[in-house]
Amino acid sequence: MRRLAAVAARCRPVTLWLRVRAAPILLAVMALTVAVLVVPLSAATATPSPAGASNAAASIFALAVPVAVGWACTRGDRVLESVSSRPIVMLDLALACLAVG
């Protein structure tokens, strides 16, 4: 029983980190970006057009993920995160690499 409580105590801060970093919103933005840019029936696919409108729309949609990652990483409290025992900076870096990469 004591071991189960120790495992639960170790996992709780990471789930709170995911909640603070708005992981469900990031996943939704990533899925929406893929749906808009990759689906062949989408009007915003990066196909050449005389006016370049589809390329501009694709560029704007492609910026959604990096903007969402930047917003998510700035949602935390810097003072609390600087004294935490978890490697918050490394977790943020991993989140950014996984989301954008």
C-alpha atoms as a PDB file:
ATOM      1  CA  MET A   1       0.000   0.000   0.000  1.00  0.00           C
ATOM      2  CA  ARG A   2       2.822   2.378   0.860  1.00  0.00           C
ATOM      3  CA  ARG A   3       4.522   1.637  -2.466  1.00  0.00           C
ATOM      4  CA  LEU A   4       1.337   2.438  -4.390  1.00  0.00           C
ATOM      5  CA  ALA A   5       1.053   5.785  -2.603  1.00  0.00           C
ATOM      6  CA  ALA A   6       4.669   6.577  -3.495  1.00  0.00           C
ATOM      7  CA  VAL A   7       4.040   5.822  -7.180  1.00  0.00           C
ATOM      8  CA  ALA A   8       0.898   7.965  -7.163  1.00  0.00           C
ATOM      9  CA  ALA A   9       2.782  10.826  -5.531  1.00  0.00           C
ATOM     10  CA  ARG A  10       5.495  10.702  -8.193  1.00  0.00           C
ATOM     11  CA  CYS A  11       3.016  10.710 -11.095  1.00  0.00           C
ATOM     12  CA  ARG A  12       0.813  13.548  -9.842  1.00  0.00           C
ATOM     13  CA  PRO A  13       3.165  16.491 -10.614  1.00  0.00           C
ATOM     14  CA  VAL A  14       3.596  15.384 -14.222  1.00  0.00           C
ATOM     15  CA  THR A  15      -0.161  15.283 -14.740  1.00  0.00           C
ATOM     16  CA  LEU A  16      -0.393  18.743 -13.203  1.00  0.00           C
ATOM     17  CA  TRP A  17       2.353  19.885 -15.562  1.00  0.00           C
ATOM     18  CA  LEU A  18       0.359  18.521 -18.503  1.00  0.00           C
ATOM     19  CA  ARG A  19      -2.713  20.358 -17.260  1.00  0.00           C
ATOM     20  CA  VAL A  20      -0.810  23.640 -16.821  1.00  0.00           C
ATOM     21  CA  ARG A  21       0.762  23.265 -20.251  1.00  0.00           C
ATOM     22  CA  ALA A  22      -2.694  22.644 -21.798  1.00  0.00           C
ATOM     23  CA  ALA A  23      -1.728  19.362 -23.440  1.00  0.00           C
ATOM     24  CA  PRO A  24      -5.267  18.611 -24.716  1.00  0.00           C
ATOM     25  CA  ILE A  25      -5.405  21.994 -26.443  1.00  0.00           C
ATOM     26  CA  LEU A  26      -1.995  21.384 -28.028  1.00  0.00           C
ATOM     27  CA  LEU A  27      -3.141  18.006 -29.310  1.00  0.00           C
ATOM     28  CA  ALA A  28      -6.282  19.585 -30.765  1.00  0.00           C
ATOM     29  CA  VAL A  29      -4.261  22.324 -32.506  1.00  0.00           C
ATOM     30  CA  MET A  30      -1.868  19.743 -33.930  1.00  0.00           C
ATOM     31  CA  ALA A  31      -4.717  17.552 -35.192  1.00  0.00           C
ATOM     32  CA  LEU A  32      -6.524  20.529 -36.708  1.00  0.00           C
ATOM     33  CA  THR A  33      -3.351  21.707 -38.437  1.00  0.00           C
ATOM     34  CA  VAL A  34      -2.745  18.261 -39.903  1.00  0.00           C
ATOM     35  CA  ALA A  35      -6.371  18.008 -40.987  1.00  0.00           C
ATOM     36  CA  VAL A  36      -6.300  21.384 -42.701  1.00  0.00           C
ATOM     37  CA  LEU A  37      -2.924  21.007 -44.404  1.00  0.00           C
ATOM     38  CA  VAL A  38      -2.716  17.313 -45.245  1.00  0.00           C
ATOM     39  CA  VAL A  39      -6.240  16.314 -46.222  1.00  0.00           C
ATOM     40  CA  PRO A  40      -6.314  16.452 -50.015  1.00  0.00           C
ATOM     41  CA  LEU A  41      -9.832  17.880 -50.091  1.00  0.00           C
ATOM     42  CA  SER A  42      -8.776  20.907 -48.062  1.00  0.00           C
ATOM     43  CA  ALA A  43      -8.751  24.263 -49.829  1.00  0.00           C
ATOM     44  CA  ALA A  44      -5.719  25.399 -47.826  1.00  0.00           C
ATOM     45  CA  THR A  45      -3.300  22.803 -49.098  1.00  0.00           C
ATOM     46  CA  ALA A  46      -0.043  24.186 -50.357  1.00  0.00           C
ATOM     47  CA  THR A  47      -0.803  23.993 -54.084  1.00  0.00           C
ATOM     48  CA  PRO A  48       0.404  26.671 -56.450  1.00  0.00           C
ATOM     49  CA  SER A  49      -2.090  29.340 -57.373  1.00  0.00           C
ATOM     50  CA  PRO A  50      -1.720  32.455 -59.492  1.00  0.00           C
ATOM     51  CA  ALA A  51      -2.341  34.806 -56.573  1.00  0.00           C
ATOM     52  CA  GLY A  52      -0.447  32.711 -54.015  1.00  0.00           C
ATOM     53  CA  ALA A  53      -3.453  32.665 -51.708  1.00  0.00           C
ATOM     54  CA  SER A  54      -3.265  28.967 -50.910  1.00  0.00           C
ATOM     55  CA  ASN A  55       0.417  29.250 -49.971  1.00  0.00           C
ATOM     56  CA  ALA A  56      -0.317  32.167 -47.656  1.00  0.00           C
ATOM     57  CA  ALA A  57      -3.193  30.295 -46.006  1.00  0.00           C
ATOM     58  CA  ALA A  58      -1.011  27.210 -45.563  1.00  0.00           C
ATOM     59  CA  SER A  59       1.738  29.324 -44.001  1.00  0.00           C
ATOM     60  CA  ILE A  60      -0.695  30.878 -41.534  1.00  0.00           C
ATOM     61  CA  PHE A  61      -2.131  27.476 -40.578  1.00  0.00           C
ATOM     62  CA  ALA A  62       1.386  26.066 -40.170  1.00  0.00           C
ATOM     63  CA  LEU A  63       2.163  28.775 -37.596  1.00  0.00           C
ATOM     64  CA  ALA A  64      -0.648  27.571 -35.325  1.00  0.00           C
ATOM     65  CA  VAL A  65       1.410  24.812 -33.684  1.00  0.00           C
ATOM     66  CA  PRO A  66       4.499  26.892 -32.755  1.00  0.00           C
ATOM     67  CA  VAL A  67       2.273  29.687 -31.449  1.00  0.00           C
ATOM     68  CA  ALA A  68       0.279  27.206 -29.347  1.00  0.00           C
ATOM     69  CA  VAL A  69       3.490  25.650 -27.960  1.00  0.00           C
ATOM     70  CA  GLY A  70       4.825  29.089 -27.022  1.00  0.00           C
ATOM     71  CA  TRP A  71       1.552  29.963 -25.320  1.00  0.00           C
ATOM     72  CA  ALA A  72       1.506  26.661 -23.430  1.00  0.00           C
ATOM     73  CA  CYS A  73       5.088  26.994 -22.203  1.00  0.00           C
ATOM     74  CA  THR A  74       4.462  30.488 -20.823  1.00  0.00           C
ATOM     75  CA  ARG A  75       1.398  29.472 -18.806  1.00  0.00           C
ATOM     76  CA  GLY A  76       3.380  28.267 -15.795  1.00  0.00           C
ATOM     77  CA  ASP A  77       4.566  30.183 -12.764  1.00  0.00           C
ATOM     78  CA  ARG A  78       8.295  30.890 -13.211  1.00  0.00           C
ATOM     79  CA  VAL A  79       9.009  31.255  -9.486  1.00  0.00           C
ATOM     80  CA  LEU A  80       7.435  27.916  -8.577  1.00  0.00           C
ATOM     81  CA  GLU A  81       9.006  26.144 -11.530  1.00  0.00           C
ATOM     82  CA  SER A  82      12.489  27.459 -10.759  1.00  0.00           C
ATOM     83  CA  VAL A  83      12.507  25.790  -7.335  1.00  0.00           C
ATOM     84  CA  SER A  84      10.694  22.582  -8.300  1.00  0.00           C
ATOM     85  CA  SER A  85      12.333  19.192  -8.059  1.00  0.00           C
ATOM     86  CA  ARG A  86      11.112  18.192 -11.530  1.00  0.00           C
ATOM     87  CA  PRO A  87      13.125  19.208 -14.597  1.00  0.00           C
ATOM     88  CA  ILE A  88      10.474  21.606 -15.910  1.00  0.00           C
ATOM     89  CA  VAL A  89      12.759  23.184 -18.516  1.00  0.00           C
ATOM     90  CA  MET A  90      13.593  19.772 -19.952  1.00  0.00           C
ATOM     91  CA  LEU A  91       9.923  18.808 -20.007  1.00  0.00           C
ATOM     92  CA  ASP A  92       9.090  22.050 -21.835  1.00  0.00           C
ATOM     93  CA  LEU A  93      11.867  21.414 -24.344  1.00  0.00           C
ATOM     94  CA  ALA A  94      10.603  17.865 -24.938  1.00  0.00           C
ATOM     95  CA  LEU A  95       7.070  19.183 -25.386  1.00  0.00           C
ATOM     96  CA  ALA A  96       8.223  21.724 -27.966  1.00  0.00           C
ATOM     97  CA  CYS A  97      10.292  19.153 -29.875  1.00  0.00           C
ATOM     98  CA  LEU A  98       7.491  16.603 -29.929  1.00  0.00           C
ATOM     99  CA  ALA A  99       4.832  19.097 -30.962  1.00  0.00           C
ATOM    100  CA  VAL A 100       6.759  20.909 -33.675  1.00  0.00           C
ATOM    101  CA  GLY A 101       9.033  18.097 -34.841  1.00  0.00           C
END
